[in-house]
């Protein structure tokens, strides 16, 4: 199987040549096609094999976000027999999907997939549908460097999906929004068209939205195990426990992984937020005051849109929430921001002392 089938091209070949020139080891290129616990599976031009990350690469990596993940192109040293390969370098990524690690170290990120062309945001047209969650997922997708698309699954369970499709199209201008059903086959051809031969997509959504069922339908076989959602709340059960890249029959590539309910921001999504909430920022440009907080200022275009009903209050509230989250996470990782925060807190403390001292003098 040729590497070109998995997206190999001239730019990657040039990057690999640079790695080879600086290494005395016999290395070959490959793509990570599966990730589970400490091991990854790599597809080279000749075979598929398990591999571990070399100690030097582990030691020199500035953070977990720099280590190999599914979708990465790597330089691997093949074993002499049927043993495990050794990963010595990760080739430069053109996109990477990452979220804040749940319950982990402050500011730490969890890699989801790399070298994507499109991020498929999957939401079920049942109790799983949540417009605010789609906005959050759009922000992560734009931040990855890949293009987002929204898949509204289980259209066969909804009497009239048109209104929900229009709602998502309104909050994601220019982003493809597809209503589909893995059971009836509706919309599957449109999904395939998002991943032409050699292009890579990744599914992003919570458990129970139908990601594994969709992968099986696109593959044309029951490769992944599936489970029904809980009847009482339409919540999914975790079925997939690893991340894997699949070569689809038509030549496209698709990455699936465990469902994720939490999509925490990393703190560097300023441009992504601007893309996701471009309508609010466009309104803000029309406010009378440049530093308008959209609270009680006269001539506020954002408040006017709220009153006119053209801007849903939930959308503005979510935008402000994500802005606060981004700013908080940025302070966790930026030394300059941390110094500024300490300075601000110190100023507040001094001000508190002054107020207390003045009050005591009056007493």
Protein backbone atom coordinates (compact mmCIF):
# COMPACT_ATOMS: atom_id res chain seq x y z
CA UNK A 1 0.00 0.00 0.00
CA UNK A 2 1.56 3.33 -1.04
CA UNK A 3 2.05 6.21 1.37
CA UNK A 4 0.35 8.47 -1.20
CA UNK A 5 -2.87 6.61 -0.38
CA UNK A 6 -2.57 7.99 3.16
CA UNK A 7 -1.87 11.57 2.05
CA UNK A 8 1.90 11.57 1.49
CA UNK A 9 3.16 14.40 -0.72
CA UNK A 10 6.19 16.53 -1.71
CA UNK A 11 6.14 18.76 1.40
CA UNK A 12 6.20 15.75 3.71
CA UNK A 13 8.96 14.18 1.62
CA UNK A 14 11.05 17.34 2.04
CA UNK A 15 10.49 17.38 5.82
CA UNK A 16 11.44 13.72 6.05
CA UNK A 17 14.64 14.32 4.06
CA UNK A 18 15.65 16.99 6.58
CA UNK A 19 15.17 14.51 9.45
CA UNK A 20 17.14 11.77 7.68
CA UNK A 21 20.06 14.11 6.97
CA UNK A 22 20.46 14.85 10.68
CA UNK A 23 20.14 11.25 11.88
CA UNK A 24 22.62 8.37 11.58
CA UNK A 25 19.78 5.84 11.93
CA UNK A 26 18.06 4.05 9.03
CA UNK A 27 14.63 5.71 9.13
CA UNK A 28 11.54 5.32 6.98
CA UNK A 29 8.40 7.50 6.86
CA UNK A 30 5.04 6.32 8.14
CA UNK A 31 1.71 7.56 9.41
CA UNK A 32 0.24 6.82 12.84
CA UNK A 33 -3.03 4.99 12.16
CA UNK A 34 -3.92 3.85 15.68
CA UNK A 35 -3.24 5.03 19.21
CA UNK A 36 -4.04 3.06 22.34
CA UNK A 37 -2.36 3.53 25.71
CA UNK A 38 1.45 3.53 25.36
CA UNK A 39 1.60 2.09 21.86
CA UNK A 40 0.84 3.42 18.41
CA UNK A 41 0.37 1.58 15.14
CA UNK A 42 2.23 2.96 12.14
CA UNK A 43 1.58 2.38 8.45
CA UNK A 44 4.70 2.55 6.32
CA UNK A 45 4.98 1.96 2.60
CA UNK A 46 5.66 -1.72 3.24
CA UNK A 47 3.77 -2.82 6.35
CA UNK A 48 1.79 -1.98 9.45
CA UNK A 49 3.55 -2.34 12.80
CA UNK A 50 3.42 -1.39 16.47
CA UNK A 51 5.86 1.27 17.60
CA UNK A 52 7.07 3.07 20.72
CA UNK A 53 8.40 6.60 21.07
CA UNK A 54 12.17 6.82 21.45
CA UNK A 55 13.44 8.06 24.81
CA UNK A 56 15.27 10.98 23.21
CA UNK A 57 12.06 12.20 21.56
CA UNK A 58 10.18 11.84 24.86
CA UNK A 59 12.89 13.80 26.68
CA UNK A 60 13.17 16.60 24.13
CA UNK A 61 9.43 17.11 23.58
CA UNK A 62 8.37 20.46 25.11
CA UNK A 63 5.03 18.96 26.13
CA UNK A 64 2.59 16.12 25.55
CA UNK A 65 1.17 18.04 22.57
CA UNK A 66 4.45 17.43 20.71
CA UNK A 67 4.35 13.63 21.02
CA UNK A 68 2.97 11.34 18.30
CA UNK A 69 -0.80 11.06 17.91
CA UNK A 70 -3.08 9.44 15.38
CA UNK A 71 -2.75 11.13 12.00
CA UNK A 72 0.86 12.17 12.57
CA UNK A 73 3.56 11.52 10.00
CA UNK A 74 6.66 10.12 11.70
CA UNK A 75 10.19 8.93 11.07
CA UNK A 76 10.43 5.34 12.30
CA UNK A 77 13.26 2.85 12.71
CA UNK A 78 12.05 -0.58 11.64
CA UNK A 79 12.83 -3.62 13.81
CA UNK A 80 15.04 -6.38 12.37
CA UNK A 81 12.20 -8.89 12.70
CA UNK A 82 8.56 -8.72 13.77
CA UNK A 83 9.15 -6.62 16.88
CA UNK A 84 8.17 -3.05 17.62
CA UNK A 85 9.44 -0.06 15.67
CA UNK A 86 10.94 3.03 17.28
CA UNK A 87 9.64 6.55 16.56
CA UNK A 88 12.45 9.09 16.38
CA UNK A 89 10.71 12.18 14.98
CA UNK A 90 7.30 13.69 14.32
CA UNK A 91 7.17 15.54 11.01
CA UNK A 92 5.76 19.11 11.04
CA UNK A 93 1.96 19.13 11.31
CA UNK A 94 -0.26 21.20 9.03
CA UNK A 95 -3.11 21.01 11.54
CA UNK A 96 -3.70 19.56 14.99
CA UNK A 97 -6.92 19.12 16.97
CA UNK A 98 -6.37 19.49 20.72
CA UNK A 99 -8.51 20.13 23.79
CA UNK A 100 -7.62 21.02 27.37
CA UNK A 101 -6.90 17.84 29.31
CA UNK A 102 -9.72 16.94 31.68
CA UNK A 103 -8.57 16.92 35.31
CA UNK A 104 -4.92 17.10 34.26
CA UNK A 105 -2.08 19.54 34.78
CA UNK A 106 -2.94 23.22 34.42
CA UNK A 107 -2.70 24.27 30.79
CA UNK A 108 -2.01 20.72 29.59
CA UNK A 109 -3.53 19.70 26.28
CA UNK A 110 -4.85 16.37 25.04
CA UNK A 111 -4.14 15.58 21.41
CA UNK A 112 -7.10 14.29 19.43
CA UNK A 113 -5.73 14.03 15.88
CA UNK A 114 -3.20 15.62 13.55
CA UNK A 115 -2.86 16.56 9.87
CA UNK A 116 -6.57 16.96 9.25
CA UNK A 117 -8.30 18.56 6.29
CA UNK A 118 -11.75 18.64 7.89
CA UNK A 119 -13.16 18.24 11.41
CA UNK A 120 -16.60 16.63 11.39
CA UNK A 121 -18.61 17.91 14.35
CA UNK A 122 -21.23 15.27 15.06
CA UNK A 123 -24.45 16.02 16.91
CA UNK A 124 -27.52 13.78 17.13
CA UNK A 125 -30.99 15.12 16.32
CA UNK A 126 -32.31 13.69 19.57
CA UNK A 127 -31.68 14.63 23.20
CA UNK A 128 -28.00 15.14 22.34
CA UNK A 129 -28.57 18.27 20.24
CA UNK A 130 -27.10 21.39 21.84
CA UNK A 131 -26.39 24.56 19.83
CA UNK A 132 -24.04 25.93 22.47
CA UNK A 133 -21.93 22.78 22.39
CA UNK A 134 -21.71 23.05 18.60
CA UNK A 135 -20.38 26.62 18.99
CA UNK A 136 -17.70 25.36 21.38
CA UNK A 137 -16.76 22.52 19.02
CA UNK A 138 -16.59 24.97 16.10
CA UNK A 139 -14.10 27.06 18.06
CA UNK A 140 -11.84 24.03 18.63
CA UNK A 141 -12.15 23.02 14.98
CA UNK A 142 -11.23 26.46 13.63
CA UNK A 143 -8.31 26.58 16.08
CA UNK A 144 -6.95 23.27 14.73
CA UNK A 145 -6.15 24.73 11.32
CA UNK A 146 -8.60 22.39 9.56
CA UNK A 147 -11.99 23.30 8.13
CA UNK A 148 -15.08 22.37 10.16
CA UNK A 149 -18.28 20.72 8.99
CA UNK A 150 -21.35 19.82 11.06
CA UNK A 151 -23.06 16.44 10.79
CA UNK A 152 -26.55 16.25 12.28
CA UNK A 153 -27.13 12.53 12.65
CA UNK A 154 -30.28 10.47 13.31
CA UNK A 155 -32.40 12.57 10.97
CA UNK A 156 -34.64 9.49 10.70
CA UNK A 157 -35.65 10.01 14.35
CA UNK A 158 -36.74 13.62 13.83
CA UNK A 159 -40.03 14.57 12.20
CA UNK A 160 -38.75 17.88 10.81
CA UNK A 161 -35.01 18.52 10.92
CA UNK A 162 -35.19 21.60 8.70
CA UNK A 163 -35.52 24.05 11.60
CA UNK A 164 -32.48 22.62 13.41
CA UNK A 165 -30.41 22.62 10.23
CA UNK A 166 -31.28 26.29 9.69
CA UNK A 167 -30.41 27.07 13.32
CA UNK A 168 -26.95 25.54 12.93
CA UNK A 169 -26.41 27.21 9.55
CA UNK A 170 -27.18 30.56 11.21
CA UNK A 171 -24.57 30.07 13.94
CA UNK A 172 -21.99 28.67 11.50
CA UNK A 173 -22.12 30.80 8.32
CA UNK A 174 -20.24 29.21 5.43
CA UNK A 175 -19.74 25.91 7.26
CA UNK A 176 -21.28 22.81 5.61
CA UNK A 177 -24.20 21.51 7.70
CA UNK A 178 -25.44 18.05 6.71
CA UNK A 179 -28.52 16.28 8.04
CA UNK A 180 -27.91 12.55 7.68
CA UNK A 181 -28.85 9.07 8.83
CA UNK A 182 -26.46 6.14 9.00
CA UNK A 183 -29.42 3.76 9.05
CA UNK A 184 -31.26 4.98 5.96
CA UNK A 185 -28.13 6.19 4.14
CA UNK A 186 -29.44 9.75 3.76
CA UNK A 187 -26.56 12.23 3.46
CA UNK A 188 -23.77 9.62 3.32
CA UNK A 189 -22.63 10.64 -0.17
CA UNK A 190 -22.33 14.24 1.01
CA UNK A 191 -20.19 13.08 3.96
CA UNK A 192 -17.91 11.13 1.60
CA UNK A 193 -17.53 14.24 -0.55
CA UNK A 194 -16.01 16.08 2.44
CA UNK A 195 -13.11 13.61 2.36
CA UNK A 196 -11.93 13.06 -1.21
CA UNK A 197 -9.13 10.53 -1.85
CA UNK A 198 -6.03 11.29 0.20
CA UNK A 199 -7.78 13.82 2.46
CA UNK A 200 -8.29 13.23 6.17
CA UNK A 201 -11.28 13.95 8.38
CA UNK A 202 -11.82 13.41 12.12
CA UNK A 203 -15.07 12.85 14.00
CA UNK A 204 -15.65 15.01 17.08
CA UNK A 205 -18.68 14.45 19.27
CA UNK A 206 -19.94 12.97 22.51
CA UNK A 207 -20.83 9.33 23.06
CA UNK A 208 -24.13 8.25 21.56
CA UNK A 209 -24.22 10.57 18.54
CA UNK A 210 -23.58 7.70 16.12
CA UNK A 211 -19.89 8.12 15.23
CA UNK A 212 -19.08 4.39 15.23
CA UNK A 213 -22.21 3.56 13.26
CA UNK A 214 -21.26 6.22 10.71
CA UNK A 215 -17.73 4.78 10.36
CA UNK A 216 -19.17 1.30 9.79
CA UNK A 217 -21.51 2.58 7.08
CA UNK A 218 -18.72 4.46 5.33
CA UNK A 219 -16.47 1.38 5.52
CA UNK A 220 -19.23 -0.89 4.29
CA UNK A 221 -18.66 -3.37 7.13
CA UNK A 222 -19.25 -3.68 10.88
CA UNK A 223 -15.67 -2.85 11.93
CA UNK A 224 -16.53 -0.98 15.14
CA UNK A 225 -18.71 -2.09 18.03
CA UNK A 226 -21.80 0.04 18.67
CA UNK A 227 -24.24 0.43 21.56
CA UNK A 228 -27.68 1.96 21.90
CA UNK A 229 -28.05 5.19 23.88
CA UNK A 230 -29.80 5.19 27.25
CA UNK A 231 -33.55 5.49 26.70
CA UNK A 232 -34.09 7.77 29.70
CA UNK A 233 -31.81 10.62 28.56
CA UNK A 234 -30.40 9.78 25.09
CA UNK A 235 -26.88 9.73 26.59
CA UNK A 236 -24.35 7.44 24.96
CA UNK A 237 -22.21 4.72 26.44
CA UNK A 238 -18.46 4.74 25.78
CA UNK A 239 -17.88 2.07 23.14
CA UNK A 240 -14.71 3.17 21.33
CA UNK A 241 -11.63 3.12 23.59
CA UNK A 242 -8.90 4.07 21.13
CA UNK A 243 -8.27 6.45 18.23
CA UNK A 244 -7.90 5.01 14.77
CA UNK A 245 -7.48 6.19 11.19
CA UNK A 246 -9.51 4.31 8.60
CA UNK A 247 -8.97 4.16 4.86
CA UNK A 248 -12.44 4.40 3.33
CA UNK A 249 -13.35 2.46 0.14
CA UNK A 250 -13.58 5.65 -1.94
CA UNK A 251 -10.05 6.71 -0.88
CA UNK A 252 -10.81 9.23 1.85
CA UNK A 253 -9.38 8.88 5.35
CA UNK A 254 -11.36 9.16 8.58
CA UNK A 255 -10.26 9.24 12.24
CA UNK A 256 -12.59 8.08 15.00
CA UNK A 257 -12.04 8.02 18.74
CA UNK A 258 -13.80 7.93 22.11
CA UNK A 259 -16.72 10.30 22.61
CA UNK A 260 -15.96 13.51 24.50
CA UNK A 261 -18.47 15.51 26.49
CA UNK A 262 -15.91 18.10 27.67
CA UNK A 263 -14.21 20.29 25.07
CA UNK A 264 -12.05 22.65 27.11
CA UNK A 265 -10.25 25.54 25.42
CA UNK A 266 -6.47 25.86 25.56
CA UNK A 267 -6.26 29.66 25.78
CA UNK A 268 -4.94 30.46 22.29
CA UNK A 269 -8.24 30.41 20.39
CA UNK A 270 -8.60 34.17 19.81
CA UNK A 271 -8.76 33.89 16.02
CA UNK A 272 -10.99 30.82 16.23
CA UNK A 273 -13.46 32.66 18.46
CA UNK A 274 -13.52 35.49 15.94
CA UNK A 275 -14.42 33.02 13.19
CA UNK A 276 -17.07 31.23 15.25
CA UNK A 277 -18.73 34.44 16.48
CA UNK A 278 -18.06 36.70 13.50
CA UNK A 279 -21.63 38.04 13.61
CA UNK A 280 -21.24 39.34 17.18
CA UNK A 281 -17.88 40.97 16.41
CA UNK A 282 -19.38 42.59 13.32
CA UNK A 283 -22.14 44.05 15.50
CA UNK A 284 -19.56 45.23 18.04
CA UNK A 285 -17.77 47.19 15.31
CA UNK A 286 -20.95 49.28 14.97
CA UNK A 287 -21.16 50.19 18.66
CA UNK A 288 -20.80 53.89 19.44
CA UNK A 289 -17.87 53.28 21.80
CA UNK A 290 -14.86 51.21 20.80
CA UNK A 291 -14.51 49.78 24.33
CA UNK A 292 -18.22 49.01 24.65
CA UNK A 293 -18.93 46.21 27.15
CA UNK A 294 -22.40 45.62 25.67
CA UNK A 295 -24.04 46.23 29.02
CA UNK A 296 -25.63 49.66 29.50
CA UNK A 297 -23.72 51.91 27.10
CA UNK A 298 -25.76 54.08 24.72
CA UNK A 299 -25.48 53.22 21.04
CA UNK A 300 -24.63 49.56 21.66
CA UNK A 301 -25.33 47.62 18.46
CA UNK A 302 -25.09 44.28 20.27
CA UNK A 303 -27.80 45.21 22.79
CA UNK A 304 -29.92 46.57 19.97
CA UNK A 305 -29.68 43.22 18.15
CA UNK A 306 -30.70 41.42 21.34
CA UNK A 307 -33.74 43.64 21.72
CA UNK A 308 -34.66 43.23 18.07
CA UNK A 309 -34.45 39.44 18.41
CA UNK A 310 -31.82 39.05 15.67
CA UNK A 311 -29.15 37.91 18.15
CA UNK A 312 -30.13 35.08 20.53
CA UNK A 313 -29.14 35.97 24.12
CA UNK A 314 -27.84 32.40 24.60
CA UNK A 315 -25.34 32.91 21.76
CA UNK A 316 -23.98 36.12 23.28
CA UNK A 317 -23.81 34.49 26.70
CA UNK A 318 -21.87 31.53 25.30
CA UNK A 319 -19.48 33.86 23.47
CA UNK A 320 -18.73 35.75 26.68
CA UNK A 321 -18.32 32.46 28.57
CA UNK A 322 -15.81 31.13 26.03
CA UNK A 323 -13.93 34.44 26.08
CA UNK A 324 -13.57 34.20 29.87
CA UNK A 325 -12.46 30.57 29.64
CA UNK A 326 -9.88 31.41 26.96
CA UNK A 327 -8.52 34.31 29.02
CA UNK A 328 -8.28 32.13 32.15
CA UNK A 329 -6.44 29.34 30.32
CA UNK A 330 -4.12 31.87 28.71
CA UNK A 331 -3.14 33.11 32.17
CA UNK A 332 -2.29 29.54 33.18
CA UNK A 333 0.32 29.18 30.44
CA UNK A 334 1.59 32.72 29.78
CA UNK A 335 4.26 34.03 32.18
CA UNK A 336 3.51 37.62 31.12
CA UNK A 337 -0.20 37.14 31.76
CA UNK A 338 0.54 35.56 35.14
CA UNK A 339 2.71 38.54 36.13
CA UNK A 340 -0.04 40.93 35.06
CA UNK A 341 -2.61 38.96 37.07
CA UNK A 342 -0.40 39.01 40.19
CA UNK A 343 0.08 42.74 39.75
CA UNK A 344 -3.68 43.23 39.47
CA UNK A 345 -4.36 41.09 42.55
CA UNK A 346 -1.68 42.94 44.51
CA UNK A 347 -3.29 46.25 43.53
CA UNK A 348 -6.64 45.00 44.75
CA UNK A 349 -5.07 43.90 48.04
CA UNK A 350 -3.40 47.28 48.58
CA UNK A 351 -6.66 49.01 47.75
CA UNK A 352 -8.42 46.81 50.30
CA UNK A 353 -5.87 47.73 52.95
CA UNK A 354 -6.34 51.42 52.23
CA UNK A 355 -10.13 51.15 52.49
CA UNK A 356 -9.83 49.22 55.76
CA UNK A 357 -7.32 51.73 57.19
CA UNK A 358 -9.54 54.67 56.27
CA UNK A 359 -12.53 52.99 57.87
CA UNK A 360 -10.62 52.35 61.10
CA UNK A 361 -9.53 55.99 61.28
CA UNK A 362 -13.13 57.12 60.93
CA UNK A 363 -14.17 54.78 63.71
